[in-house]
Protein backbone atom coordinates (compact mmCIF):
# COMPACT_ATOMS: atom_id res chain seq x y z
CA MET A 1 36.80 174.47 114.29
CA SER A 2 38.12 172.09 111.84
CA ASP A 3 41.46 170.21 112.68
CA LEU A 4 43.31 171.74 109.75
CA SER A 5 42.28 175.10 111.54
CA LEU A 6 43.48 173.91 114.81
CA THR A 7 46.83 172.78 113.32
CA LEU A 8 47.44 176.23 111.46
CA GLU A 9 46.60 178.17 114.80
CA VAL A 10 44.15 180.26 112.81
CA ASP A 11 42.24 180.98 116.25
CA ASP A 12 44.90 183.27 117.16
CA PRO A 13 44.72 186.04 114.75
CA GLU A 14 47.98 187.72 115.88
CA LEU A 15 50.06 184.43 115.62
CA ARG A 16 48.59 183.59 112.22
CA ARG A 17 49.19 187.34 111.02
CA GLY A 18 52.96 187.31 112.41
CA ARG A 19 53.19 183.87 110.47
CA ILE A 20 52.08 185.41 107.30
CA VAL A 21 54.37 188.33 107.68
CA GLU A 22 57.21 186.04 108.31
CA ASN A 23 56.65 183.65 105.58
CA LEU A 24 56.51 186.54 102.91
CA VAL A 25 59.74 188.24 104.39
CA THR A 26 61.52 185.10 104.41
CA ALA A 27 60.34 184.15 100.68
CA PHE A 28 61.01 187.50 99.26
CA SER A 29 63.44 189.28 101.47
CA ASP A 30 66.13 189.37 98.70
CA LEU A 31 64.10 190.32 95.82
CA MET A 32 62.36 193.21 98.27
CA ALA A 33 65.65 194.49 99.07
CA ALA A 34 66.82 194.65 95.46
CA ASP A 35 63.32 196.07 93.87
CA PRO A 36 60.96 197.29 96.97
CA ALA A 37 58.91 199.19 94.27
CA ALA A 38 58.52 195.90 92.26
CA PHE A 39 57.03 194.19 95.51
CA ARG A 40 54.69 197.20 96.78
CA ILE A 41 53.00 196.69 93.40
CA LYS A 42 53.01 192.90 93.82
CA PHE A 43 51.30 193.15 97.44
CA ARG A 44 48.96 195.61 96.19
CA LYS A 45 47.93 193.42 93.58
CA MET A 46 47.55 190.62 95.94
CA ALA A 47 45.50 193.10 98.01
CA THR A 48 42.66 192.83 95.21
CA ASP A 49 40.80 189.78 96.35
CA PRO A 50 41.45 186.65 98.40
CA PHE A 51 42.31 184.56 95.05
CA ALA A 52 44.98 187.26 94.35
CA PHE A 53 46.30 186.72 97.57
CA TYR A 54 46.45 183.11 97.19
CA ARG A 55 48.07 183.44 94.08
CA GLY A 56 50.97 185.57 95.35
CA SER A 57 51.46 183.55 98.65
CA ALA A 58 52.70 180.15 97.81
CA CYS A 59 55.27 180.17 100.12
CA LEU A 60 52.60 180.39 103.06
CA PHE A 61 50.72 177.38 101.46
CA TYR A 62 53.77 175.31 101.57
CA SER A 63 54.38 176.31 105.15
CA ASP A 64 50.99 175.46 106.23
CA VAL A 65 50.46 171.70 104.01
CA ALA A 66 54.02 170.71 105.48
CA ARG A 67 52.57 170.91 109.05
CA LEU A 68 49.60 168.75 107.90
CA GLU A 69 49.23 164.76 107.78
CA ASP A 70 49.27 163.77 104.21
CA PRO A 71 47.68 160.28 104.46
CA TRP A 72 48.47 159.55 100.50
CA ALA A 73 52.16 160.01 101.03
CA ASP A 74 54.49 157.29 100.98
CA GLU A 75 58.23 157.01 99.78
CA ARG A 76 57.19 157.33 96.26
CA THR A 77 54.22 159.52 96.12
CA SER A 78 56.01 161.98 97.92
CA ARG A 79 58.88 162.38 95.54
CA VAL A 80 57.05 163.15 92.25
CA TRP A 81 57.52 166.04 89.88
CA ILE A 82 55.12 168.61 90.82
CA GLN A 83 54.01 172.06 89.11
CA GLY A 84 54.46 173.76 92.68
CA ASP A 85 51.94 176.47 92.16
CA LEU A 86 48.70 174.62 90.68
CA HIS A 87 46.02 177.26 90.94
CA ALA A 88 42.86 177.30 88.63
CA ALA A 89 44.58 180.71 86.63
CA ASN A 90 47.66 178.23 85.62
CA PHE A 91 46.04 176.64 82.72
CA GLY A 92 46.49 177.86 78.94
CA THR A 93 47.41 176.93 75.68
CA TYR A 94 50.87 176.55 74.01
CA MET A 95 52.24 175.28 70.85
CA ASN A 96 54.23 172.08 71.51
CA SER A 97 57.65 171.00 69.57
CA GLU A 98 55.51 168.77 67.35
CA GLY A 99 53.52 171.75 66.35
CA THR A 100 50.27 171.03 67.92
CA LEU A 101 48.34 173.76 69.75
CA VAL A 102 47.76 171.96 73.29
CA PHE A 103 45.81 173.17 76.02
CA ASP A 104 47.50 172.16 79.50
CA VAL A 105 49.11 173.18 82.91
CA ASN A 106 51.60 176.41 82.48
CA ASP A 107 53.88 178.36 84.46
CA PHE A 108 56.47 176.30 86.10
CA ASP A 109 58.53 178.91 87.83
CA GLU A 110 57.76 176.87 91.33
CA ALA A 111 58.06 173.39 89.67
CA TYR A 112 60.10 170.90 92.02
CA VAL A 113 59.62 167.37 93.44
CA GLY A 114 57.39 166.80 96.22
CA HIS A 115 53.79 165.32 97.32
CA PHE A 116 51.57 164.74 94.40
CA THR A 117 48.85 165.97 96.38
CA TRP A 118 50.54 169.25 97.28
CA ASP A 119 49.67 170.23 93.47
CA LEU A 120 45.62 168.77 93.93
CA GLN A 121 45.54 170.60 97.36
CA ARG A 122 46.65 173.90 96.08
CA PHE A 123 44.06 173.41 92.85
CA ALA A 124 41.08 172.65 94.72
CA ALA A 125 41.40 175.31 97.23
CA SER A 126 41.78 177.54 94.64
CA ILE A 127 38.52 176.31 93.13
CA ALA A 128 36.78 176.63 96.35
CA LEU A 129 38.17 180.35 96.29
CA LEU A 130 36.68 181.06 93.01
CA GLY A 131 33.42 179.29 93.66
CA TRP A 132 33.14 181.45 96.88
CA SER A 133 33.91 184.73 94.71
CA LYS A 134 30.88 183.60 92.30
CA ALA A 135 28.66 183.22 95.26
CA LEU A 136 28.39 179.40 95.02
CA PRO A 137 26.92 177.31 97.95
CA ASP A 138 29.57 174.90 99.73
CA ASP A 139 27.72 171.85 97.95
CA GLU A 140 28.17 172.97 94.80
CA ILE A 141 31.61 173.73 95.33
CA THR A 142 32.34 170.21 96.34
CA SER A 143 30.51 168.87 93.63
CA LEU A 144 33.04 170.80 91.18
CA ILE A 145 35.85 169.83 92.89
CA ARG A 146 34.66 166.10 92.93
CA VAL A 147 34.24 166.08 88.96
CA ALA A 148 38.20 167.48 88.92
CA ALA A 149 39.51 164.89 91.42
CA ASP A 150 37.61 161.80 89.78
CA ALA A 151 38.78 162.90 86.28
CA TYR A 152 42.33 163.19 87.91
CA ALA A 153 42.14 159.38 89.06
CA GLU A 154 40.54 158.33 86.07
CA GLN A 155 43.35 159.72 83.75
CA VAL A 156 45.85 158.31 86.11
CA ARG A 157 44.42 154.87 85.77
CA ALA A 158 44.49 155.28 82.06
CA PHE A 159 47.91 155.97 82.00
CA VAL A 160 48.60 152.67 84.12
CA ASP A 161 46.83 150.67 81.54
CA GLY A 162 48.41 152.68 78.57
CA GLU A 163 51.59 152.39 76.76
CA ASN A 164 52.35 155.96 75.64
CA ASP A 165 51.84 158.63 78.43
CA SER A 166 53.23 161.57 76.41
CA ALA A 167 50.93 160.91 73.62
CA PHE A 168 48.05 162.02 75.60
CA LYS A 169 47.08 165.62 75.28
CA LEU A 170 44.18 168.00 75.17
CA HIS A 171 43.94 169.50 71.80
CA LEU A 172 41.43 171.06 69.06
CA GLY A 173 40.47 167.64 68.05
CA SER A 174 39.82 166.38 71.55
CA THR A 175 37.99 169.09 73.31
CA LYS A 176 34.73 171.01 73.57
CA GLY A 177 33.12 174.22 74.96
CA LEU A 178 35.17 176.66 76.67
CA VAL A 179 38.52 174.65 76.36
CA ARG A 180 38.35 174.29 72.84
CA HIS A 181 37.32 177.85 72.42
CA VAL A 182 40.78 178.84 73.93
CA LEU A 183 42.50 176.60 71.41
CA GLU A 184 40.62 178.51 68.82
CA LYS A 185 41.85 181.96 70.19
CA ALA A 186 45.04 180.84 70.30
CA ARG A 187 44.97 179.53 66.83
CA LEU A 188 44.13 183.05 65.53
CA ARG A 189 47.24 184.40 67.06
CA THR A 190 50.07 184.81 64.53
CA ARG A 191 53.99 185.39 65.11
CA ASN A 192 53.38 188.62 63.47
CA ASP A 193 51.10 189.91 65.55
CA LEU A 194 53.34 189.25 68.46
CA LEU A 195 56.36 190.89 66.76
CA ASN A 196 54.70 194.12 65.50
CA THR A 197 53.39 194.25 69.26
CA VAL A 198 56.96 194.07 70.75
CA THR A 199 59.23 195.29 67.92
CA GLU A 200 59.42 197.79 65.08
CA THR A 201 61.47 197.93 61.96
CA GLU A 202 64.48 200.60 61.70
CA GLY A 203 65.63 200.71 58.58
CA TYR A 204 65.66 197.13 57.20
CA ASP A 205 65.54 195.20 60.64
CA ARG A 206 63.73 194.72 63.57
CA VAL A 207 64.37 195.91 66.84
CA PHE A 208 62.67 196.09 70.39
CA ARG A 209 60.23 198.92 70.59
CA ASP A 210 60.83 201.52 73.59
CA LYS A 211 57.54 200.99 75.61
CA PRO A 212 56.70 201.20 79.31
CA GLY A 213 58.58 198.19 81.07
CA VAL A 214 61.50 198.02 78.51
CA ARG A 215 64.84 199.02 79.55
CA ARG A 216 67.62 199.57 77.41
CA LEU A 217 71.14 198.34 78.20
CA GLY A 218 74.37 199.89 78.35
CA ASP A 219 77.26 198.17 76.64
CA ALA A 220 78.88 196.67 79.04
CA GLU A 221 75.44 194.93 80.51
CA ARG A 222 74.25 194.29 77.02
CA ASP A 223 77.68 192.23 76.40
CA ARG A 224 77.23 190.18 79.64
CA VAL A 225 73.47 189.23 78.62
CA VAL A 226 74.85 188.24 75.06
CA GLU A 227 77.43 186.11 76.53
CA ALA A 228 75.04 184.49 78.94
CA PHE A 229 72.93 184.01 75.73
CA ARG A 230 75.88 182.16 74.35
CA ARG A 231 76.16 179.75 77.21
CA TYR A 232 72.39 178.97 76.77
CA LEU A 233 72.90 177.68 73.40
CA ASP A 234 74.76 174.68 75.01
CA THR A 235 71.49 173.56 76.97
CA ILE A 236 69.13 173.07 74.19
CA PRO A 237 68.82 169.45 73.40
CA ALA A 238 70.71 168.54 70.29
CA ASP A 239 67.56 167.11 68.70
CA LYS A 240 65.75 170.51 69.05
CA ARG A 241 68.66 172.96 67.89
CA MET A 242 67.98 174.99 64.79
CA ARG A 243 70.65 175.51 62.28
CA GLY A 244 72.30 178.10 60.26
CA VAL A 245 71.49 181.93 61.36
CA ALA A 246 68.80 180.97 63.62
CA TYR A 247 70.29 182.33 67.11
CA ASN A 248 72.02 185.49 65.57
CA VAL A 249 71.22 188.14 68.40
CA LYS A 250 69.35 191.23 67.10
CA ASP A 251 68.57 193.14 69.84
CA VAL A 252 68.40 193.04 73.62
CA VAL A 253 66.43 194.89 76.22
CA GLY A 254 65.65 194.79 80.08
CA ARG A 255 62.29 193.91 81.13
CA GLY A 256 60.12 194.62 83.87
CA GLY A 257 56.25 194.63 85.04
CA PHE A 258 55.62 191.04 85.27
CA GLY A 259 52.71 189.66 87.35
CA ILE A 260 52.17 188.74 90.76
CA GLY A 261 54.21 185.58 90.79
CA SER A 262 57.14 187.01 89.01
CA ALA A 263 57.67 190.55 90.52
CA GLY A 264 61.36 191.66 91.26
CA LEU A 265 62.83 188.86 89.25
CA PRO A 266 65.44 190.49 86.89
CA ALA A 267 64.53 189.72 82.99
CA TYR A 268 65.53 190.36 79.62
CA ASN A 269 64.19 189.85 75.97
CA VAL A 270 66.47 188.81 73.25
CA LEU A 271 65.56 189.11 69.75
CA ILE A 272 66.74 186.53 67.42
CA GLU A 273 66.93 185.85 63.71
CA GLY A 274 64.96 182.76 63.64
CA GLN A 275 64.80 180.06 60.85
CA ASN A 276 65.76 182.16 58.02
CA GLN A 277 66.45 186.05 57.37
CA ALA A 278 62.73 186.88 56.79
CA LEU A 279 61.72 189.46 59.27
CA ASP A 280 58.37 187.50 59.89
CA ASN A 281 60.28 184.39 61.23
CA ASP A 282 62.34 186.47 63.99
CA ILE A 283 61.92 184.79 67.28
CA VAL A 284 61.72 186.49 70.91
CA LEU A 285 63.00 184.76 73.70
CA SER A 286 62.40 185.68 77.57
CA MET A 287 65.55 185.16 79.66
CA LYS A 288 64.37 185.49 83.53
CA GLN A 289 65.87 184.87 86.65
CA GLY A 290 65.12 181.63 88.29
CA ASN A 291 63.23 182.17 91.59
CA VAL A 292 63.37 179.71 94.49
CA ALA A 293 60.83 177.05 94.19
CA ALA A 294 58.09 177.38 97.24
CA PRO A 295 57.83 173.54 97.77
CA SER A 296 61.86 173.64 97.82
CA ARG A 297 61.47 175.50 101.18
CA VAL A 298 59.68 172.64 103.04
CA VAL A 299 61.29 169.44 101.03
CA ASP A 300 64.16 168.34 103.04
CA ASP A 301 66.12 166.13 100.44
CA ALA A 302 69.78 167.18 99.86
CA SER A 303 69.63 164.76 96.60
CA VAL A 304 66.98 166.89 95.11
CA ALA A 305 68.24 170.07 96.09
CA GLY A 306 72.08 169.26 95.05
CA TYR A 307 70.93 167.84 91.49
CA PHE A 308 70.08 171.52 90.43
CA VAL A 309 72.96 173.85 89.13
CA HIS A 310 70.65 176.48 89.88
CA HIS A 311 67.31 177.81 89.92
CA GLY A 312 67.35 178.45 86.19
CA HIS A 313 68.46 174.99 85.48
CA ARG A 314 65.94 173.72 88.02
CA THR A 315 63.08 175.33 85.99
CA ALA A 316 64.04 174.31 82.55
CA VAL A 317 64.67 170.39 83.69
CA SER A 318 61.21 170.83 86.05
CA GLN A 319 59.44 172.01 82.74
CA ARG A 320 60.94 169.49 80.21
CA ALA A 321 59.82 166.73 82.94
CA LEU A 322 56.19 167.91 83.24
CA GLN A 323 55.43 169.12 79.95
CA ALA A 324 55.48 166.68 77.16
CA HIS A 325 57.12 168.05 73.99
CA ALA A 326 58.25 171.27 75.94
CA ASP A 327 59.23 174.36 73.83
CA PRO A 328 62.31 173.39 71.72
CA LEU A 329 64.00 176.85 72.69
CA LEU A 330 63.63 176.22 76.46
CA GLY A 331 67.06 176.35 77.90
CA TYR A 332 68.85 177.96 81.02
CA THR A 333 71.89 179.90 81.52
CA ASP A 334 73.72 182.02 84.19
CA LEU A 335 74.50 185.66 84.60
CA ASP A 336 76.63 187.48 87.25
CA GLY A 337 76.59 184.08 88.90
CA VAL A 338 72.76 183.78 89.18
CA GLY A 339 70.75 181.28 87.40
CA PHE A 340 68.13 182.27 84.41
CA VAL A 341 65.57 180.26 82.51
CA VAL A 342 65.24 180.98 78.76
CA SER A 343 62.18 180.34 76.77
CA GLU A 344 60.34 181.34 73.86
CA LEU A 345 58.06 184.42 74.26
CA SER A 346 55.24 182.55 72.37
CA PRO A 347 52.48 184.15 70.36
CA TYR A 348 50.35 181.14 70.64
CA GLU A 349 49.66 181.33 74.64
CA VAL A 350 46.09 182.12 75.82
CA ASP A 351 45.16 181.77 79.26
CA LEU A 352 42.08 180.26 80.72
CA GLU A 353 39.52 183.06 81.67
CA TRP A 354 37.51 182.37 84.69
CA SER A 355 35.50 185.57 84.19
CA GLU A 356 33.88 183.55 81.25
CA LEU A 357 32.93 180.72 83.52
CA ASN A 358 30.02 181.53 86.27
CA GLU A 359 27.47 178.51 86.64
CA PRO A 360 28.22 175.21 87.62
CA ASP A 361 26.76 173.75 84.33
CA ASP A 362 29.34 175.54 82.44
CA ILE A 363 32.24 174.92 85.08
CA GLU A 364 31.91 171.39 85.49
CA PRO A 365 33.04 170.13 81.92
CA VAL A 366 36.23 172.64 82.16
CA LEU A 367 37.26 171.07 85.62
CA SER A 368 37.06 167.66 84.06
CA TYR A 369 39.47 168.64 81.42
CA LEU A 370 41.70 170.38 84.13
CA GLY A 371 41.64 167.16 86.14
CA ARG A 372 43.08 165.23 83.52
CA ALA A 373 45.47 167.79 82.81
CA ILE A 374 46.94 167.79 85.97
CA ALA A 375 47.24 163.66 85.83
CA LYS A 376 49.10 164.30 82.53
CA VAL A 377 52.06 166.30 83.73
CA HIS A 378 52.23 164.09 87.00
CA CYS A 379 52.46 161.05 84.81
CA VAL A 380 54.20 162.06 81.97
CA SER A 381 57.43 163.12 84.08
CA ASP A 382 58.95 160.11 84.75
CA ALA A 383 59.42 159.24 81.21
CA ASP A 384 61.09 162.70 79.91
CA SER A 385 62.92 163.77 83.31
CA ASP A 386 66.00 162.48 85.00
CA HIS A 387 65.61 159.25 86.57
CA THR A 388 67.96 159.67 89.17
CA LEU A 389 65.21 161.90 91.11
CA VAL A 390 62.02 159.87 90.01
CA PRO A 391 63.19 156.57 89.35
CA PHE A 392 59.66 154.82 88.87
CA GLN A 393 56.17 155.19 87.43
CA THR A 394 54.73 157.91 88.75
CA GLU A 395 50.99 156.58 87.57
CA THR A 396 51.55 153.58 89.02
CA ALA A 397 52.89 155.11 92.24
CA ILE A 398 49.58 157.14 92.57
CA ALA A 399 47.17 154.60 91.40
CA ASP A 400 48.61 152.35 94.06
CA ALA A 401 48.13 154.79 96.68
CA ILE A 402 44.38 155.34 96.12
CA GLU A 403 43.66 152.09 94.92
CA GLY A 404 40.10 150.97 96.49
CA ARG A 405 40.06 154.23 98.45
CA GLN A 406 39.11 156.94 95.53
CA GLN A 407 36.27 158.26 97.04
CA GLU A 408 37.85 158.76 100.29
CA PHE A 409 40.78 160.48 98.60
CA VAL A 410 38.05 162.63 96.55
CA SER A 411 36.12 163.53 99.94
CA TRP A 412 39.68 164.15 101.80
CA LEU A 413 40.77 166.62 98.98
CA CYS A 414 37.22 168.45 99.11
CA ASP A 415 37.16 168.65 102.83
CA PHE A 416 40.47 170.13 102.75
CA ALA A 417 39.42 172.69 99.90
CA LEU A 418 36.73 173.88 101.86
CA ASP A 419 38.66 174.30 105.15
CA TYR A 420 42.04 175.97 103.37
CA SER A 421 40.00 178.51 101.48
CA ALA A 422 38.40 179.76 104.64
CA VAL A 423 41.52 180.00 106.19
CA VAL A 424 42.62 182.01 103.16
CA ARG A 425 39.84 184.24 103.30
CA ASP A 426 40.68 185.08 106.95
CA ASP A 427 44.51 185.33 106.08
CA TYR A 428 44.03 187.90 103.44
CA ARG A 429 42.20 190.15 105.76
CA LEU A 430 45.15 189.56 108.04
CA PHE A 431 47.43 190.36 105.26
CA ILE A 432 45.67 193.68 104.33
CA ASP A 433 45.98 194.63 107.63
CA ALA A 434 49.55 193.97 108.00
CA PHE A 435 50.55 195.41 104.62
CA ARG A 436 48.28 198.68 105.54
CA ASN A 437 50.26 199.07 108.66
CA ARG A 438 53.61 198.64 107.19
CA GLU A 439 54.46 195.51 109.03
CA ILE A 440 56.05 193.90 106.12
CA ALA A 441 60.02 194.58 106.63
CA GLY A 442 61.64 195.87 103.67
CA LEU A 443 58.41 197.49 101.88
CA ARG A 444 57.88 201.06 103.85
CA SER A 445 57.47 203.58 100.87
CA THR A 446 59.61 206.64 101.10
CA ARG A 447 56.46 208.62 101.60
CA ALA A 448 56.21 207.03 104.86
CA ASN A 449 59.42 209.03 106.19
CA ARG A 450 57.92 212.51 104.98
């Protein structure tokens, strides 16, 4: 048994099962109480396979890594902006504020300040899980993780030697293969296609369509949402604000039916006018309640927690820090005393699909790009974020930590990934048993009482 397995006490299934349930209940009890049906769906999705379970259990991952020794963490490298839920499915395209289609890390709901290694460990273990699901042997999985880790280290060093971190991006002119194909698919998308999917014309204007997951609001709730939207406008950076009729509200609806990570979080869609009154320039904004970032549960630093007004504020600030040239509509607000993050529902977002990648020769070049993308989000974050939280050059801190020890660092990461992916596969079975036997408090179906 590995040292990791001993530390996490996975040799005692009952103890480990109880720890899994405890972490899920602690992390989600409030949301489960508000919407138990949404969490039954979330957990049934997590029951699909070990990777789906891993995606939905970031709280358990951080409970685990916080108990493990981190030989690469020092005063600086333990205080880096991190994406917080960096698994293999959280990469895709977006249109940046300069009008360039970029392939990058996405989904910043769990972003926080923590160990730079946590992002890399979570990512590497996800690659090991995917490799296992594709029946790849451990030596091939290790080789693939090495490709990503070496690319990360090389890109960090390039940022140390360069002058403009934010200028680096993966785009149509700098990528090949599947990553370029994902960008090309995003390029074919149009705002009009998105608008026609989620809205319809009523008379001479657009309104949201009535469809599954859409909830019409009563007058009182609509008024509160519109007022929260007005407060959001003050959080858009002055140099990114549109003028004139742009922010006129045309329609508002409640939203549900989100994926594994956002289950139970209240959300709204807001339809606004856009740059002008032409219907094809309308913009759809998402206003979603900010969740408690999983890393924040193990980071004991009052100065970090105290910096954020609420979780919507944290999500927006973190995304601006991690994503160079972020969505110009990104901002935050509060509704009924709870923080919400606001961003555009963009037509140009296409996720990397792992179903298209099966052979190591096809996966390897993609992982090289992903390693560089991770380095980019870590290393641009000190330039665009508040320097009271990260008051140093991240790339220098990381490069110094692994200087002369890159292969040791990469081997450490590979060993963790293989060991922890085995833990996750066992945890998955324990989770299934606990869920089936109604051991997760707050999720008992009404059918159980019949």
